[in-house]
Amino acid sequence: MCSFRTLYYGEEGYLIVCDECRHFQLAFQTSLFTLTAGDLKILHSLVKQHREYHDGAPGSFQKNIYIPTPLEGYGMILDIKELQLLFELLETAEINFKTMGLLELFKPARR
């Protein structure tokens, strides 16, 4: 049975991780994904690349930014604001995940 820890929770979505199976669940707007650590890393990288490419672009509310997902035949169409929100969600969750990992090193060993 999954035991989730919250890495990020906000109006636009959340990212949680299961302590048992180590799968991640990403909810963003109307989409929900269950991802492996590798898939999440690839998605995060793609979001970063698109953000850098579209950085400084005039504010457009057209959904013209396509982000492929690890799921075959499924992608996300975002505008520049949504791309920024997804980027911030993923960045914050990554920092929280790394912090939780570091804190685990200082817990006393169970007997």
N, C-alpha and C. Protein backbone atom coordinates (compact mmCIF):
# COMPACT_ATOMS: atom_id res chain seq x y z
N MET A 1 0.84 -1.17 0.00
CA MET A 1 0.00 0.00 0.00
C MET A 1 0.89 1.24 0.00
N CYS A 2 0.53 2.19 -0.78
CA CYS A 2 1.35 3.40 -0.89
C CYS A 2 1.23 4.28 0.35
N SER A 3 2.36 4.86 0.69
CA SER A 3 2.44 5.81 1.79
C SER A 3 3.09 7.07 1.23
N PHE A 4 2.27 8.11 1.01
CA PHE A 4 2.73 9.29 0.29
C PHE A 4 3.30 10.37 1.21
N ARG A 5 4.32 11.04 0.69
CA ARG A 5 4.86 12.26 1.31
C ARG A 5 4.66 13.38 0.30
N THR A 6 4.24 14.53 0.76
CA THR A 6 4.00 15.67 -0.11
C THR A 6 5.29 16.43 -0.33
N LEU A 7 5.64 16.63 -1.59
CA LEU A 7 6.82 17.41 -1.96
C LEU A 7 6.43 18.83 -2.35
N TYR A 8 5.23 18.98 -2.85
CA TYR A 8 4.72 20.30 -3.21
C TYR A 8 3.20 20.21 -3.23
N TYR A 9 2.55 21.27 -2.75
CA TYR A 9 1.10 21.36 -2.83
C TYR A 9 0.72 22.83 -3.00
N GLY A 10 -0.01 23.14 -4.05
CA GLY A 10 -0.42 24.51 -4.33
C GLY A 10 -1.70 24.53 -5.14
N GLU A 11 -2.14 25.73 -5.46
CA GLU A 11 -3.38 25.89 -6.24
C GLU A 11 -3.31 25.21 -7.60
N GLU A 12 -2.13 25.24 -8.23
CA GLU A 12 -2.00 24.70 -9.58
C GLU A 12 -1.78 23.20 -9.61
N GLY A 13 -1.45 22.60 -8.46
CA GLY A 13 -1.26 21.16 -8.44
C GLY A 13 -0.42 20.69 -7.26
N TYR A 14 0.02 19.45 -7.36
CA TYR A 14 0.85 18.88 -6.30
C TYR A 14 1.81 17.85 -6.87
N LEU A 15 2.81 17.51 -6.07
CA LEU A 15 3.72 16.41 -6.39
C LEU A 15 3.95 15.66 -5.10
N ILE A 16 3.65 14.36 -5.13
CA ILE A 16 3.85 13.51 -3.97
C ILE A 16 4.70 12.31 -4.38
N VAL A 17 5.31 11.67 -3.38
CA VAL A 17 6.13 10.49 -3.64
C VAL A 17 5.70 9.39 -2.67
N CYS A 18 5.66 8.17 -3.15
CA CYS A 18 5.34 7.02 -2.31
C CYS A 18 6.63 6.50 -1.69
N ASP A 19 6.65 6.38 -0.36
CA ASP A 19 7.82 5.86 0.33
C ASP A 19 8.05 4.37 0.06
N GLU A 20 6.99 3.67 -0.32
CA GLU A 20 7.10 2.23 -0.56
C GLU A 20 7.61 1.91 -1.97
N CYS A 21 6.91 2.37 -2.98
CA CYS A 21 7.26 2.01 -4.37
C CYS A 21 8.13 3.06 -5.07
N ARG A 22 8.32 4.22 -4.43
CA ARG A 22 9.16 5.31 -4.95
C ARG A 22 8.64 5.89 -6.27
N HIS A 23 7.36 5.76 -6.53
CA HIS A 23 6.73 6.41 -7.67
C HIS A 23 6.25 7.80 -7.24
N PHE A 24 6.20 8.68 -8.21
CA PHE A 24 5.76 10.05 -7.98
C PHE A 24 4.41 10.25 -8.63
N GLN A 25 3.58 11.06 -8.00
CA GLN A 25 2.30 11.42 -8.59
C GLN A 25 2.29 12.94 -8.75
N LEU A 26 2.15 13.38 -9.99
CA LEU A 26 2.13 14.80 -10.33
C LEU A 26 0.74 15.16 -10.80
N ALA A 27 0.13 16.12 -10.13
CA ALA A 27 -1.14 16.68 -10.57
C ALA A 27 -0.85 18.13 -10.95
N PHE A 28 -1.23 18.48 -12.18
CA PHE A 28 -1.06 19.86 -12.63
C PHE A 28 -2.29 20.24 -13.44
N GLN A 29 -3.02 21.22 -12.94
CA GLN A 29 -4.27 21.67 -13.54
C GLN A 29 -5.22 20.48 -13.70
N THR A 30 -5.50 20.05 -14.91
CA THR A 30 -6.44 18.95 -15.11
C THR A 30 -5.76 17.63 -15.44
N SER A 31 -4.45 17.56 -15.31
CA SER A 31 -3.70 16.35 -15.64
C SER A 31 -3.16 15.69 -14.37
N LEU A 32 -3.11 14.36 -14.39
CA LEU A 32 -2.56 13.59 -13.28
C LEU A 32 -1.66 12.50 -13.87
N PHE A 33 -0.42 12.45 -13.39
CA PHE A 33 0.55 11.48 -13.89
C PHE A 33 1.11 10.67 -12.72
N THR A 34 1.37 9.40 -12.94
CA THR A 34 2.15 8.59 -12.03
C THR A 34 3.45 8.28 -12.77
N LEU A 35 4.57 8.68 -12.18
CA LEU A 35 5.85 8.64 -12.87
C LEU A 35 6.92 7.95 -12.02
N THR A 36 7.85 7.30 -12.69
CA THR A 36 9.04 6.81 -12.02
C THR A 36 9.97 7.99 -11.80
N ALA A 37 10.99 7.79 -11.00
CA ALA A 37 11.97 8.87 -10.76
C ALA A 37 12.63 9.28 -12.08
N GLY A 38 12.94 8.31 -12.92
CA GLY A 38 13.56 8.61 -14.22
C GLY A 38 12.65 9.40 -15.13
N ASP A 39 11.38 9.02 -15.18
CA ASP A 39 10.41 9.75 -16.00
C ASP A 39 10.21 11.18 -15.50
N LEU A 40 10.16 11.34 -14.19
CA LEU A 40 9.99 12.68 -13.62
C LEU A 40 11.21 13.55 -13.94
N LYS A 41 12.38 12.96 -13.88
CA LYS A 41 13.60 13.70 -14.20
C LYS A 41 13.59 14.18 -15.65
N ILE A 42 13.14 13.33 -16.55
CA ILE A 42 13.06 13.69 -17.97
C ILE A 42 12.03 14.80 -18.17
N LEU A 43 10.87 14.67 -17.54
CA LEU A 43 9.83 15.69 -17.67
C LEU A 43 10.33 17.03 -17.12
N HIS A 44 10.98 17.00 -15.98
CA HIS A 44 11.53 18.22 -15.37
C HIS A 44 12.55 18.86 -16.32
N SER A 45 13.39 18.06 -16.91
CA SER A 45 14.40 18.56 -17.85
C SER A 45 13.73 19.21 -19.07
N LEU A 46 12.69 18.59 -19.59
CA LEU A 46 11.99 19.16 -20.75
C LEU A 46 11.33 20.49 -20.39
N VAL A 47 10.75 20.57 -19.21
CA VAL A 47 10.11 21.81 -18.77
C VAL A 47 11.17 22.91 -18.64
N LYS A 48 12.33 22.56 -18.07
CA LYS A 48 13.43 23.54 -17.95
C LYS A 48 13.87 24.04 -19.32
N GLN A 49 14.05 23.11 -20.26
CA GLN A 49 14.50 23.48 -21.61
C GLN A 49 13.50 24.43 -22.27
N HIS A 50 12.23 24.09 -22.19
CA HIS A 50 11.20 24.94 -22.81
C HIS A 50 11.14 26.30 -22.13
N ARG A 51 11.32 26.33 -20.82
CA ARG A 51 11.29 27.60 -20.09
C ARG A 51 12.45 28.49 -20.53
N GLU A 52 13.63 27.90 -20.67
CA GLU A 52 14.80 28.67 -21.12
C GLU A 52 14.59 29.17 -22.55
N TYR A 53 14.02 28.34 -23.39
CA TYR A 53 13.80 28.72 -24.79
C TYR A 53 12.78 29.86 -24.88
N HIS A 54 11.74 29.79 -24.05
CA HIS A 54 10.67 30.79 -24.11
C HIS A 54 10.88 31.93 -23.13
N ASP A 55 12.00 31.94 -22.40
CA ASP A 55 12.30 33.01 -21.45
C ASP A 55 12.45 34.33 -22.20
N GLY A 56 11.81 35.34 -21.69
CA GLY A 56 11.90 36.65 -22.33
C GLY A 56 10.93 36.83 -23.48
N ALA A 57 10.18 35.77 -23.80
CA ALA A 57 9.19 35.88 -24.87
C ALA A 57 8.06 36.77 -24.39
N PRO A 58 7.50 37.55 -25.28
CA PRO A 58 6.41 38.41 -24.87
C PRO A 58 5.27 37.58 -24.29
N GLY A 59 4.58 38.14 -23.29
CA GLY A 59 3.49 37.42 -22.62
C GLY A 59 2.41 37.01 -23.59
N SER A 60 2.34 35.75 -23.85
CA SER A 60 1.33 35.22 -24.74
C SER A 60 0.44 34.28 -23.95
N PHE A 61 -0.84 34.41 -24.16
CA PHE A 61 -1.76 33.52 -23.46
C PHE A 61 -2.23 32.40 -24.38
N GLN A 62 -1.55 32.26 -25.51
CA GLN A 62 -1.86 31.16 -26.41
C GLN A 62 -1.21 29.89 -25.90
N LYS A 63 -1.95 28.82 -25.94
CA LYS A 63 -1.40 27.52 -25.55
C LYS A 63 -0.64 26.97 -26.76
N ASN A 64 0.62 27.35 -26.84
CA ASN A 64 1.42 26.94 -28.00
C ASN A 64 2.75 26.28 -27.60
N ILE A 65 2.88 25.91 -26.34
CA ILE A 65 4.11 25.25 -25.88
C ILE A 65 3.76 23.79 -25.60
N TYR A 66 4.35 22.89 -26.38
CA TYR A 66 4.07 21.46 -26.25
C TYR A 66 5.16 20.80 -25.42
N ILE A 67 4.76 20.13 -24.35
CA ILE A 67 5.67 19.38 -23.51
C ILE A 67 5.30 17.90 -23.64
N PRO A 68 6.16 17.10 -24.26
CA PRO A 68 5.85 15.67 -24.32
C PRO A 68 5.98 15.05 -22.94
N THR A 69 5.27 13.98 -22.70
CA THR A 69 5.36 13.28 -21.42
C THR A 69 5.89 11.87 -21.69
N PRO A 70 6.30 11.17 -20.63
CA PRO A 70 6.77 9.80 -20.82
C PRO A 70 5.67 8.84 -21.27
N LEU A 71 4.42 9.26 -21.18
CA LEU A 71 3.32 8.42 -21.62
C LEU A 71 3.14 8.55 -23.13
N GLU A 72 3.19 7.45 -23.81
CA GLU A 72 3.11 7.47 -25.27
C GLU A 72 1.80 8.09 -25.75
N GLY A 73 1.94 9.06 -26.65
CA GLY A 73 0.78 9.72 -27.24
C GLY A 73 0.13 10.76 -26.36
N TYR A 74 0.78 11.14 -25.25
CA TYR A 74 0.18 12.11 -24.36
C TYR A 74 1.18 13.22 -24.06
N GLY A 75 0.75 14.46 -24.28
CA GLY A 75 1.59 15.61 -23.99
C GLY A 75 0.76 16.71 -23.36
N MET A 76 1.44 17.75 -22.98
CA MET A 76 0.77 18.89 -22.37
C MET A 76 0.93 20.10 -23.28
N ILE A 77 -0.14 20.85 -23.46
CA ILE A 77 -0.11 22.10 -24.22
C ILE A 77 -0.29 23.22 -23.20
N LEU A 78 0.71 24.10 -23.09
CA LEU A 78 0.71 25.14 -22.08
C LEU A 78 0.94 26.52 -22.69
N ASP A 79 0.50 27.55 -21.97
CA ASP A 79 0.93 28.90 -22.33
C ASP A 79 2.14 29.24 -21.46
N ILE A 80 2.72 30.40 -21.64
CA ILE A 80 3.97 30.76 -20.97
C ILE A 80 3.78 30.82 -19.45
N LYS A 81 2.62 31.31 -19.00
CA LYS A 81 2.35 31.39 -17.56
C LYS A 81 2.24 29.99 -16.95
N GLU A 82 1.54 29.10 -17.62
CA GLU A 82 1.40 27.72 -17.14
C GLU A 82 2.75 27.01 -17.11
N LEU A 83 3.57 27.26 -18.12
CA LEU A 83 4.91 26.68 -18.15
C LEU A 83 5.71 27.13 -16.94
N GLN A 84 5.62 28.41 -16.60
CA GLN A 84 6.34 28.94 -15.44
C GLN A 84 5.82 28.31 -14.15
N LEU A 85 4.50 28.15 -14.04
CA LEU A 85 3.92 27.53 -12.84
C LEU A 85 4.38 26.08 -12.69
N LEU A 86 4.40 25.33 -13.80
CA LEU A 86 4.85 23.94 -13.76
C LEU A 86 6.33 23.87 -13.39
N PHE A 87 7.12 24.77 -13.95
CA PHE A 87 8.55 24.83 -13.63
C PHE A 87 8.74 25.08 -12.13
N GLU A 88 8.04 26.04 -11.58
CA GLU A 88 8.17 26.36 -10.16
C GLU A 88 7.73 25.19 -9.28
N LEU A 89 6.66 24.51 -9.67
CA LEU A 89 6.19 23.34 -8.94
C LEU A 89 7.29 22.28 -8.89
N LEU A 90 7.85 21.97 -10.06
CA LEU A 90 8.88 20.92 -10.15
C LEU A 90 10.17 21.32 -9.42
N GLU A 91 10.56 22.57 -9.53
CA GLU A 91 11.78 23.03 -8.85
C GLU A 91 11.63 22.96 -7.33
N THR A 92 10.50 23.44 -6.83
CA THR A 92 10.26 23.42 -5.39
C THR A 92 10.19 21.99 -4.88
N ALA A 93 9.50 21.13 -5.60
CA ALA A 93 9.39 19.72 -5.20
C ALA A 93 10.75 19.04 -5.19
N GLU A 94 11.59 19.35 -6.17
CA GLU A 94 12.93 18.75 -6.21
C GLU A 94 13.75 19.17 -5.00
N ILE A 95 13.70 20.44 -4.64
CA ILE A 95 14.42 20.94 -3.46
C ILE A 95 13.90 20.24 -2.20
N ASN A 96 12.58 20.13 -2.07
CA ASN A 96 12.00 19.48 -0.90
C ASN A 96 12.37 18.00 -0.84
N PHE A 97 12.41 17.32 -1.98
CA PHE A 97 12.77 15.90 -2.03
C PHE A 97 14.23 15.71 -1.59
N LYS A 98 15.11 16.55 -2.08
CA LYS A 98 16.52 16.46 -1.69
C LYS A 98 16.70 16.77 -0.21
N THR A 99 15.97 17.75 0.28
CA THR A 99 16.04 18.11 1.70
C THR A 99 15.57 16.95 2.57
N MET A 100 14.46 16.31 2.18
CA MET A 100 13.95 15.17 2.94
C MET A 100 14.98 14.04 2.96
N GLY A 101 15.64 13.83 1.83
CA GLY A 101 16.67 12.80 1.76
C GLY A 101 17.83 13.08 2.70
N LEU A 102 18.24 14.34 2.76
CA LEU A 102 19.32 14.72 3.66
C LEU A 102 18.91 14.56 5.12
N LEU A 103 17.68 14.92 5.44
CA LEU A 103 17.20 14.79 6.82
C LEU A 103 17.12 13.33 7.25
N GLU A 104 16.83 12.44 6.29
CA GLU A 104 16.79 11.01 6.60
C GLU A 104 18.14 10.49 7.08
N LEU A 105 19.22 11.10 6.62
CA LEU A 105 20.57 10.67 7.02
C LEU A 105 20.82 10.89 8.51
N PHE A 106 20.10 11.83 9.11
CA PHE A 106 20.32 12.17 10.50
C PHE A 106 19.35 11.48 11.46
N LYS A 107 18.44 10.67 10.94
CA LYS A 107 17.52 9.93 11.80
C LYS A 107 18.26 8.77 12.44
N PRO A 108 17.95 8.47 13.69
CA PRO A 108 18.59 7.32 14.31
C PRO A 108 18.14 6.02 13.65
N ALA A 109 19.02 5.07 13.57
CA ALA A 109 18.72 3.78 12.94
C ALA A 109 17.69 3.03 13.78
N ARG A 110 16.76 2.38 13.10
CA ARG A 110 15.74 1.57 13.78
C ARG A 110 16.32 0.20 14.11
N ARG A 111 15.90 -0.34 15.22
CA ARG A 111 16.39 -1.67 15.64
C ARG A 111 15.40 -2.73 15.38
